[in-house]
């Protein structure tokens, strides 16, 4: 790398978190993602509870629903904003 590129990299400020310090924004979006995950989770869960073997689509829906809910928990927990330097 060139010397100028290294200096500009060192002088760049650290990136701000997506929601900054807006607690209400994090609660709203995190709760919405958890709710969306729960809503998507209910459909394949009904099929499985009837005793019908789950299709690959049902398994994909369950996986997607859990990932949405986990994403909501991560936004609520804000692990990036709590890092100490």
PDB file of N, CA and C in Angstrom:
ATOM      1  N   UNK A   1       0.826  -1.189   0.000  1.00  0.00           N
ATOM      2  CA  UNK A   1       0.000   0.000   0.000  1.00  0.00           C
ATOM      3  C   UNK A   1       0.869   1.250   0.000  1.00  0.00           C
ATOM      4  N   UNK A   2       0.320   2.291  -0.500  1.00  0.00           N
ATOM      5  CA  UNK A   2       1.053   3.547  -0.509  1.00  0.00           C
ATOM      6  C   UNK A   2       0.924   4.230   0.848  1.00  0.00           C
ATOM      7  N   UNK A   3       1.795   5.160   1.091  1.00  0.00           N
ATOM      8  CA  UNK A   3       1.812   5.864   2.373  1.00  0.00           C
ATOM      9  C   UNK A   3       0.545   6.699   2.562  1.00  0.00           C
ATOM     10  N   UNK A   4       0.057   7.305   1.476  1.00  0.00           N
ATOM     11  CA  UNK A   4      -1.157   8.134   1.561  1.00  0.00           C
ATOM     12  C   UNK A   4      -2.368   7.287   1.907  1.00  0.00           C
ATOM     13  N   UNK A   5      -2.447   6.081   1.356  1.00  0.00           N
ATOM     14  CA  UNK A   5      -3.584   5.204   1.641  1.00  0.00           C
ATOM     15  C   UNK A   5      -3.573   4.760   3.097  1.00  0.00           C
ATOM     16  N   UNK A   6      -2.390   4.495   3.655  1.00  0.00           N
ATOM     17  CA  UNK A   6      -2.289   4.095   5.053  1.00  0.00           C
ATOM     18  C   UNK A   6      -2.669   5.244   5.982  1.00  0.00           C
ATOM     19  N   UNK A   7      -2.276   6.467   5.635  1.00  0.00           N
ATOM     20  CA  UNK A   7      -2.604   7.620   6.465  1.00  0.00           C
ATOM     21  C   UNK A   7      -4.101   7.900   6.450  1.00  0.00           C
ATOM     22  N   UNK A   8      -4.722   7.779   5.272  1.00  0.00           N
ATOM     23  CA  UNK A   8      -6.165   8.034   5.201  1.00  0.00           C
ATOM     24  C   UNK A   8      -6.938   6.952   5.932  1.00  0.00           C
ATOM     25  N   UNK A   9      -6.433   5.726   5.922  1.00  0.00           N
ATOM     26  CA  UNK A   9      -7.092   4.640   6.637  1.00  0.00           C
ATOM     27  C   UNK A   9      -7.001   4.868   8.144  1.00  0.00           C
ATOM     28  N   UNK A  10      -5.868   5.354   8.619  1.00  0.00           N
ATOM     29  CA  UNK A  10      -5.675   5.609  10.044  1.00  0.00           C
ATOM     30  C   UNK A  10      -6.478   6.823  10.502  1.00  0.00           C
ATOM     31  N   UNK A  11      -6.684   7.791   9.638  1.00  0.00           N
ATOM     32  CA  UNK A  11      -7.384   9.014  10.011  1.00  0.00           C
ATOM     33  C   UNK A  11      -8.904   8.892   9.903  1.00  0.00           C
ATOM     34  N   UNK A  12      -9.398   7.830   9.281  1.00  0.00           N
ATOM     35  CA  UNK A  12     -10.844   7.676   9.092  1.00  0.00           C
ATOM     36  C   UNK A  12     -11.517   7.418  10.438  1.00  0.00           C
ATOM     37  N   UNK A  13     -12.642   8.089  10.705  1.00  0.00           N
ATOM     38  CA  UNK A  13     -13.342   7.856  11.965  1.00  0.00           C
ATOM     39  C   UNK A  13     -14.001   6.473  11.945  1.00  0.00           C
ATOM     40  N   UNK A  14     -14.213   5.878  13.107  1.00  0.00           N
ATOM     41  CA  UNK A  14     -14.859   4.564  13.139  1.00  0.00           C
ATOM     42  C   UNK A  14     -16.306   4.674  12.650  1.00  0.00           C
ATOM     43  N   UNK A  15     -16.819   3.651  11.990  1.00  0.00           N
ATOM     44  CA  UNK A  15     -18.196   3.722  11.493  1.00  0.00           C
ATOM     45  C   UNK A  15     -19.197   3.750  12.641  1.00  0.00           C
ATOM     46  N   UNK A  16     -20.245   4.544  12.458  1.00  0.00           N
ATOM     47  CA  UNK A  16     -21.300   4.630  13.468  1.00  0.00           C
ATOM     48  C   UNK A  16     -22.224   3.431  13.337  1.00  0.00           C
ATOM     49  N   UNK A  17     -22.791   2.943  14.437  1.00  0.00           N
ATOM     50  CA  UNK A  17     -23.785   1.871  14.349  1.00  0.00           C
ATOM     51  C   UNK A  17     -24.986   2.325  13.527  1.00  0.00           C
ATOM     52  N   UNK A  18     -25.699   1.373  12.977  1.00  0.00           N
ATOM     53  CA  UNK A  18     -26.821   1.671  12.094  1.00  0.00           C
ATOM     54  C   UNK A  18     -27.865   2.556  12.771  1.00  0.00           C
ATOM     55  N   UNK A  19     -28.215   2.256  13.999  1.00  0.00           N
ATOM     56  CA  UNK A  19     -29.239   3.012  14.695  1.00  0.00           C
ATOM     57  C   UNK A  19     -28.663   4.022  15.676  1.00  0.00           C
ATOM     58  N   UNK A  20     -27.351   4.154  15.704  1.00  0.00           N
ATOM     59  CA  UNK A  20     -26.723   5.109  16.605  1.00  0.00           C
ATOM     60  C   UNK A  20     -27.102   4.833  18.043  1.00  0.00           C
ATOM     61  N   UNK A  21     -27.512   5.849  18.737  1.00  0.00           N
ATOM     62  CA  UNK A  21     -27.924   5.671  20.128  1.00  0.00           C
ATOM     63  C   UNK A  21     -29.435   5.838  20.270  1.00  0.00           C
ATOM     64  N   UNK A  22     -30.152   5.663  19.197  1.00  0.00           N
ATOM     65  CA  UNK A  22     -31.609   5.843  19.211  1.00  0.00           C
ATOM     66  C   UNK A  22     -32.272   4.586  19.772  1.00  0.00           C
ATOM     67  N   UNK A  23     -32.559   4.623  21.070  1.00  0.00           N
ATOM     68  CA  UNK A  23     -33.128   3.458  21.750  1.00  0.00           C
ATOM     69  C   UNK A  23     -34.523   3.128  21.203  1.00  0.00           C
ATOM     70  N   UNK A  24     -35.336   4.122  20.937  1.00  0.00           N
ATOM     71  CA  UNK A  24     -36.690   3.857  20.446  1.00  0.00           C
ATOM     72  C   UNK A  24     -36.663   3.238  19.049  1.00  0.00           C
ATOM     73  N   UNK A  25     -35.695   3.639  18.219  1.00  0.00           N
ATOM     74  CA  UNK A  25     -35.562   3.043  16.882  1.00  0.00           C
ATOM     75  C   UNK A  25     -35.193   1.571  16.988  1.00  0.00           C
ATOM     76  N   UNK A  26     -34.284   1.269  17.920  1.00  0.00           N
ATOM     77  CA  UNK A  26     -33.872  -0.121  18.096  1.00  0.00           C
ATOM     78  C   UNK A  26     -35.011  -0.969  18.652  1.00  0.00           C
ATOM     79  N   UNK A  27     -35.788  -0.435  19.577  1.00  0.00           N
ATOM     80  CA  UNK A  27     -36.911  -1.197  20.135  1.00  0.00           C
ATOM     81  C   UNK A  27     -37.952  -1.458  19.055  1.00  0.00           C
ATOM     82  N   UNK A  28     -38.282  -0.435  18.279  1.00  0.00           N
ATOM     83  CA  UNK A  28     -39.294  -0.586  17.241  1.00  0.00           C
ATOM     84  C   UNK A  28     -38.873  -1.600  16.182  1.00  0.00           C
ATOM     85  N   UNK A  29     -37.672  -1.451  15.644  1.00  0.00           N
ATOM     86  CA  UNK A  29     -37.250  -2.351  14.570  1.00  0.00           C
ATOM     87  C   UNK A  29     -36.949  -3.745  15.101  1.00  0.00           C
ATOM     88  N   UNK A  30     -36.341  -3.855  16.267  1.00  0.00           N
ATOM     89  CA  UNK A  30     -36.069  -5.177  16.837  1.00  0.00           C
ATOM     90  C   UNK A  30     -37.347  -5.929  17.148  1.00  0.00           C
ATOM     91  N   UNK A  31     -38.317  -5.242  17.732  1.00  0.00           N
ATOM     92  CA  UNK A  31     -39.601  -5.879  18.042  1.00  0.00           C
ATOM     93  C   UNK A  31     -40.348  -6.268  16.771  1.00  0.00           C
ATOM     94  N   UNK A  32     -40.269  -5.442  15.753  1.00  0.00           N
ATOM     95  CA  UNK A  32     -40.932  -5.761  14.478  1.00  0.00           C
ATOM     96  C   UNK A  32     -40.312  -7.001  13.841  1.00  0.00           C
ATOM     97  N   UNK A  33     -38.988  -7.125  13.900  1.00  0.00           N
ATOM     98  CA  UNK A  33     -38.349  -8.311  13.339  1.00  0.00           C
ATOM     99  C   UNK A  33     -38.698  -9.568  14.136  1.00  0.00           C
ATOM    100  N   UNK A  34     -38.750  -9.459  15.444  1.00  0.00           N
ATOM    101  CA  UNK A  34     -39.142 -10.607  16.262  1.00  0.00           C
ATOM    102  C   UNK A  34     -40.592 -10.985  15.963  1.00  0.00           C
ATOM    103  N   UNK A  35     -41.464 -10.004  15.836  1.00  0.00           N
ATOM    104  CA  UNK A  35     -42.868 -10.282  15.512  1.00  0.00           C
ATOM    105  C   UNK A  35     -43.029 -10.895  14.130  1.00  0.00           C
ATOM    106  N   UNK A  36     -42.277 -10.403  13.154  1.00  0.00           N
ATOM    107  CA  UNK A  36     -42.344 -10.974  11.809  1.00  0.00           C
ATOM    108  C   UNK A  36     -41.843 -12.415  11.811  1.00  0.00           C
ATOM    109  N   UNK A  37     -40.786 -12.660  12.565  1.00  0.00           N
ATOM    110  CA  UNK A  37     -40.278 -14.025  12.679  1.00  0.00           C
ATOM    111  C   UNK A  37     -41.302 -14.948  13.306  1.00  0.00           C
ATOM    112  N   UNK A  38     -41.976 -14.482  14.344  1.00  0.00           N
ATOM    113  CA  UNK A  38     -43.014 -15.289  14.997  1.00  0.00           C
ATOM    114  C   UNK A  38     -44.185 -15.556  14.042  1.00  0.00           C
ATOM    115  N   UNK A  39     -44.593 -14.542  13.302  1.00  0.00           N
ATOM    116  CA  UNK A  39     -45.713 -14.701  12.372  1.00  0.00           C
ATOM    117  C   UNK A  39     -45.371 -15.707  11.272  1.00  0.00           C
ATOM    118  N   UNK A  40     -44.157 -15.638  10.745  1.00  0.00           N
ATOM    119  CA  UNK A  40     -43.735 -16.594   9.716  1.00  0.00           C
ATOM    120  C   UNK A  40     -43.607 -17.997  10.317  1.00  0.00           C
ATOM    121  N   UNK A  41     -43.185 -18.078  11.575  1.00  0.00           N
ATOM    122  CA  UNK A  41     -43.016 -19.362  12.261  1.00  0.00           C
ATOM    123  C   UNK A  41     -44.340 -20.106  12.444  1.00  0.00           C
ATOM    124  N   UNK A  42     -45.440 -19.367  12.610  1.00  0.00           N
ATOM    125  CA  UNK A  42     -46.727 -19.997  12.912  1.00  0.00           C
ATOM    126  C   UNK A  42     -47.251 -20.876  11.774  1.00  0.00           C
ATOM    127  N   UNK A  43     -47.065 -20.473  10.533  1.00  0.00           N
ATOM    128  CA  UNK A  43     -47.621 -21.219   9.403  1.00  0.00           C
ATOM    129  C   UNK A  43     -47.050 -22.632   9.287  1.00  0.00           C
ATOM    130  N   UNK A  44     -45.735 -22.816   9.207  1.00  0.00           N
ATOM    131  CA  UNK A  44     -45.239 -24.191   9.126  1.00  0.00           C
ATOM    132  C   UNK A  44     -45.448 -24.963  10.430  1.00  0.00           C
ATOM    133  N   UNK A  45     -45.510 -24.263  11.533  1.00  0.00           N
ATOM    134  CA  UNK A  45     -45.736 -24.945  12.818  1.00  0.00           C
ATOM    135  C   UNK A  45     -47.124 -25.576  12.851  1.00  0.00           C
ATOM    136  N   UNK A  46     -48.115 -24.907  12.264  1.00  0.00           N
ATOM    137  CA  UNK A  46     -49.464 -25.470  12.192  1.00  0.00           C
ATOM    138  C   UNK A  46     -49.480 -26.754  11.375  1.00  0.00           C
ATOM    139  N   UNK A  47     -48.757 -26.762  10.263  1.00  0.00           N
ATOM    140  CA  UNK A  47     -48.699 -27.940   9.401  1.00  0.00           C
ATOM    141  C   UNK A  47     -48.053 -29.097  10.154  1.00  0.00           C
ATOM    142  N   UNK A  48     -46.969 -28.826  10.843  1.00  0.00           N
ATOM    143  CA  UNK A  48     -46.260 -29.878  11.562  1.00  0.00           C
ATOM    144  C   UNK A  48     -47.095 -30.395  12.735  1.00  0.00           C
ATOM    145  N   UNK A  49     -47.832 -29.526  13.407  1.00  0.00           N
ATOM    146  CA  UNK A  49     -48.629 -29.952  14.558  1.00  0.00           C
ATOM    147  C   UNK A  49     -49.806 -30.843  14.153  1.00  0.00           C
ATOM    148  N   UNK A  50     -50.223 -30.791  12.898  1.00  0.00           N
ATOM    149  CA  UNK A  50     -51.282 -31.670  12.402  1.00  0.00           C
ATOM    150  C   UNK A  50     -50.777 -33.084  12.123  1.00  0.00           C
ATOM    151  N   UNK A  51     -49.485 -33.273  12.216  1.00  0.00           N
ATOM    152  CA  UNK A  51     -48.923 -34.590  11.973  1.00  0.00           C
ATOM    153  C   UNK A  51     -48.484 -34.807  10.543  1.00  0.00           C
ATOM    154  N   UNK A  52     -48.525 -33.762   9.725  1.00  0.00           N
ATOM    155  CA  UNK A  52     -48.094 -33.865   8.337  1.00  0.00           C
ATOM    156  C   UNK A  52     -46.582 -33.680   8.299  1.00  0.00           C
ATOM    157  N   UNK A  53     -45.914 -34.500   7.516  1.00  0.00           N
ATOM    158  CA  UNK A  53     -44.460 -34.388   7.402  1.00  0.00           C
ATOM    159  C   UNK A  53     -44.098 -33.035   6.783  1.00  0.00           C
ATOM    160  N   UNK A  54     -43.112 -32.359   7.344  1.00  0.00           N
ATOM    161  CA  UNK A  54     -42.746 -31.039   6.803  1.00  0.00           C
ATOM    162  C   UNK A  54     -42.061 -31.159   5.447  1.00  0.00           C
ATOM    163  N   UNK A  55     -42.421 -30.256   4.565  1.00  0.00           N
ATOM    164  CA  UNK A  55     -41.776 -30.198   3.252  1.00  0.00           C
ATOM    165  C   UNK A  55     -40.513 -29.345   3.363  1.00  0.00           C
ATOM    166  N   UNK A  56     -39.681 -29.362   2.343  1.00  0.00           N
ATOM    167  CA  UNK A  56     -38.502 -28.476   2.378  1.00  0.00           C
ATOM    168  C   UNK A  56     -38.885 -27.000   2.518  1.00  0.00           C
ATOM    169  N   UNK A  57     -40.014 -26.619   1.934  1.00  0.00           N
ATOM    170  CA  UNK A  57     -40.470 -25.229   2.059  1.00  0.00           C
ATOM    171  C   UNK A  57     -40.792 -24.899   3.520  1.00  0.00           C
ATOM    172  N   UNK A  58     -41.433 -25.831   4.239  1.00  0.00           N
ATOM    173  CA  UNK A  58     -41.735 -25.600   5.650  1.00  0.00           C
ATOM    174  C   UNK A  58     -40.457 -25.471   6.476  1.00  0.00           C
ATOM    175  N   UNK A  59     -39.478 -26.280   6.172  1.00  0.00           N
ATOM    176  CA  UNK A  59     -38.210 -26.213   6.893  1.00  0.00           C
ATOM    177  C   UNK A  59     -37.511 -24.884   6.599  1.00  0.00           C
ATOM    178  N   UNK A  60     -37.573 -24.440   5.340  1.00  0.00           N
ATOM    179  CA  UNK A  60     -36.991 -23.143   4.991  1.00  0.00           C
ATOM    180  C   UNK A  60     -37.712 -22.024   5.742  1.00  0.00           C
ATOM    181  N   UNK A  61     -39.034 -22.085   5.821  1.00  0.00           N
ATOM    182  CA  UNK A  61     -39.790 -21.052   6.530  1.00  0.00           C
ATOM    183  C   UNK A  61     -39.407 -21.010   8.011  1.00  0.00           C
ATOM    184  N   UNK A  62     -39.267 -22.178   8.619  1.00  0.00           N
ATOM    185  CA  UNK A  62     -38.868 -22.214  10.025  1.00  0.00           C
ATOM    186  C   UNK A  62     -37.482 -21.606  10.217  1.00  0.00           C
ATOM    187  N   UNK A  63     -36.560 -21.957   9.341  1.00  0.00           N
ATOM    188  CA  UNK A  63     -35.196 -21.419   9.442  1.00  0.00           C
ATOM    189  C   UNK A  63     -35.186 -19.904   9.241  1.00  0.00           C
ATOM    190  N   UNK A  64     -35.937 -19.434   8.265  1.00  0.00           N
ATOM    191  CA  UNK A  64     -36.011 -18.002   7.996  1.00  0.00           C
ATOM    192  C   UNK A  64     -36.647 -17.261   9.166  1.00  0.00           C
ATOM    193  N   UNK A  65     -37.690 -17.842   9.755  1.00  0.00           N
ATOM    194  CA  UNK A  65     -38.364 -17.210  10.884  1.00  0.00           C
ATOM    195  C   UNK A  65     -37.428 -17.084  12.080  1.00  0.00           C
ATOM    196  N   UNK A  66     -36.674 -18.124  12.352  1.00  0.00           N
ATOM    197  CA  UNK A  66     -35.738 -18.078  13.473  1.00  0.00           C
ATOM    198  C   UNK A  66     -34.635 -17.057  13.211  1.00  0.00           C
ATOM    199  N   UNK A  67     -34.179 -16.967  11.963  1.00  0.00           N
ATOM    200  CA  UNK A  67     -33.129 -15.991  11.660  1.00  0.00           C
ATOM    201  C   UNK A  67     -33.652 -14.557  11.797  1.00  0.00           C
ATOM    202  N   UNK A  68     -34.897 -14.311  11.402  1.00  0.00           N
ATOM    203  CA  UNK A  68     -35.471 -12.966  11.595  1.00  0.00           C
ATOM    204  C   UNK A  68     -35.561 -12.617  13.076  1.00  0.00           C
ATOM    205  N   UNK A  69     -36.017 -13.567  13.876  1.00  0.00           N
ATOM    206  CA  UNK A  69     -36.137 -13.314  15.311  1.00  0.00           C
ATOM    207  C   UNK A  69     -34.764 -13.069  15.938  1.00  0.00           C
ATOM    208  N   UNK A  70     -33.769 -13.824  15.521  1.00  0.00           N
ATOM    209  CA  UNK A  70     -32.409 -13.619  16.041  1.00  0.00           C
ATOM    210  C   UNK A  70     -31.870 -12.255  15.634  1.00  0.00           C
ATOM    211  N   UNK A  71     -32.155 -11.837  14.420  1.00  0.00           N
ATOM    212  CA  UNK A  71     -31.727 -10.520  13.958  1.00  0.00           C
ATOM    213  C   UNK A  71     -32.366  -9.428  14.825  1.00  0.00           C
ATOM    214  N   UNK A  72     -33.639  -9.609  15.175  1.00  0.00           N
ATOM    215  CA  UNK A  72     -34.304  -8.651  16.054  1.00  0.00           C
ATOM    216  C   UNK A  72     -33.661  -8.591  17.427  1.00  0.00           C
ATOM    217  N   UNK A  73     -33.268  -9.738  17.965  1.00  0.00           N
ATOM    218  CA  UNK A  73     -32.599  -9.770  19.269  1.00  0.00           C
ATOM    219  C   UNK A  73     -31.249  -9.063  19.192  1.00  0.00           C
ATOM    220  N   UNK A  74     -30.538  -9.260  18.090  1.00  0.00           N
ATOM    221  CA  UNK A  74     -29.236  -8.592  17.933  1.00  0.00           C
ATOM    222  C   UNK A  74     -29.413  -7.084  17.880  1.00  0.00           C
ATOM    223  N   UNK A  75     -30.429  -6.615  17.191  1.00  0.00           N
ATOM    224  CA  UNK A  75     -30.671  -5.164  17.133  1.00  0.00           C
ATOM    225  C   UNK A  75     -31.032  -4.630  18.519  1.00  0.00           C
ATOM    226  N   UNK A  76     -31.835  -5.380  19.267  1.00  0.00           N
ATOM    227  CA  UNK A  76     -32.180  -4.930  20.616  1.00  0.00           C
ATOM    228  C   UNK A  76     -30.973  -4.947  21.550  1.00  0.00           C
ATOM    229  N   UNK A  77     -30.133  -5.959  21.431  1.00  0.00           N
ATOM    230  CA  UNK A  77     -28.975  -6.079  22.327  1.00  0.00           C
ATOM    231  C   UNK A  77     -27.869  -5.090  21.968  1.00  0.00           C
ATOM    232  N   UNK A  78     -27.745  -4.742  20.708  1.00  0.00           N
ATOM    233  CA  UNK A  78     -26.741  -3.803  20.196  1.00  0.00           C
ATOM    234  C   UNK A  78     -25.332  -4.157  20.671  1.00  0.00           C
ATOM    235  N   UNK A  79     -24.819  -5.331  20.274  1.00  0.00           N
ATOM    236  CA  UNK A  79     -23.481  -5.720  20.739  1.00  0.00           C
ATOM    237  C   UNK A  79     -22.354  -4.831  20.196  1.00  0.00           C
ATOM    238  N   UNK A  80     -22.548  -4.217  19.036  1.00  0.00           N
ATOM    239  CA  UNK A  80     -21.499  -3.376  18.454  1.00  0.00           C
ATOM    240  C   UNK A  80     -21.355  -2.086  19.241  1.00  0.00           C
ATOM    241  N   UNK A  81     -22.453  -1.523  19.673  1.00  0.00           N
ATOM    242  CA  UNK A  81     -22.414  -0.267  20.424  1.00  0.00           C
ATOM    243  C   UNK A  81     -21.841  -0.421  21.817  1.00  0.00           C
ATOM    244  N   UNK A  82     -21.778  -1.649  22.353  1.00  0.00           N
ATOM    245  CA  UNK A  82     -21.299  -1.869  23.711  1.00  0.00           C
ATOM    246  C   UNK A  82     -19.832  -2.279  23.752  1.00  0.00           C
ATOM    247  N   UNK A  83     -19.181  -2.363  22.591  1.00  0.00           N
ATOM    248  CA  UNK A  83     -17.762  -2.729  22.563  1.00  0.00           C
ATOM    249  C   UNK A  83     -16.933  -1.635  23.203  1.00  0.00           C
ATOM    250  N   UNK A  84     -15.943  -2.051  23.951  1.00  0.00           N
ATOM    251  CA  UNK A  84     -15.013  -1.085  24.555  1.00  0.00           C
ATOM    252  C   UNK A  84     -13.718  -1.107  23.775  1.00  0.00           C
ATOM    253  N   UNK A  85     -13.142   0.044  23.635  1.00  0.00           N
ATOM    254  CA  UNK A  85     -11.896   0.140  22.863  1.00  0.00           C
ATOM    255  C   UNK A  85     -10.704   0.142  23.774  1.00  0.00           C
TER     256      UNK A  85
END
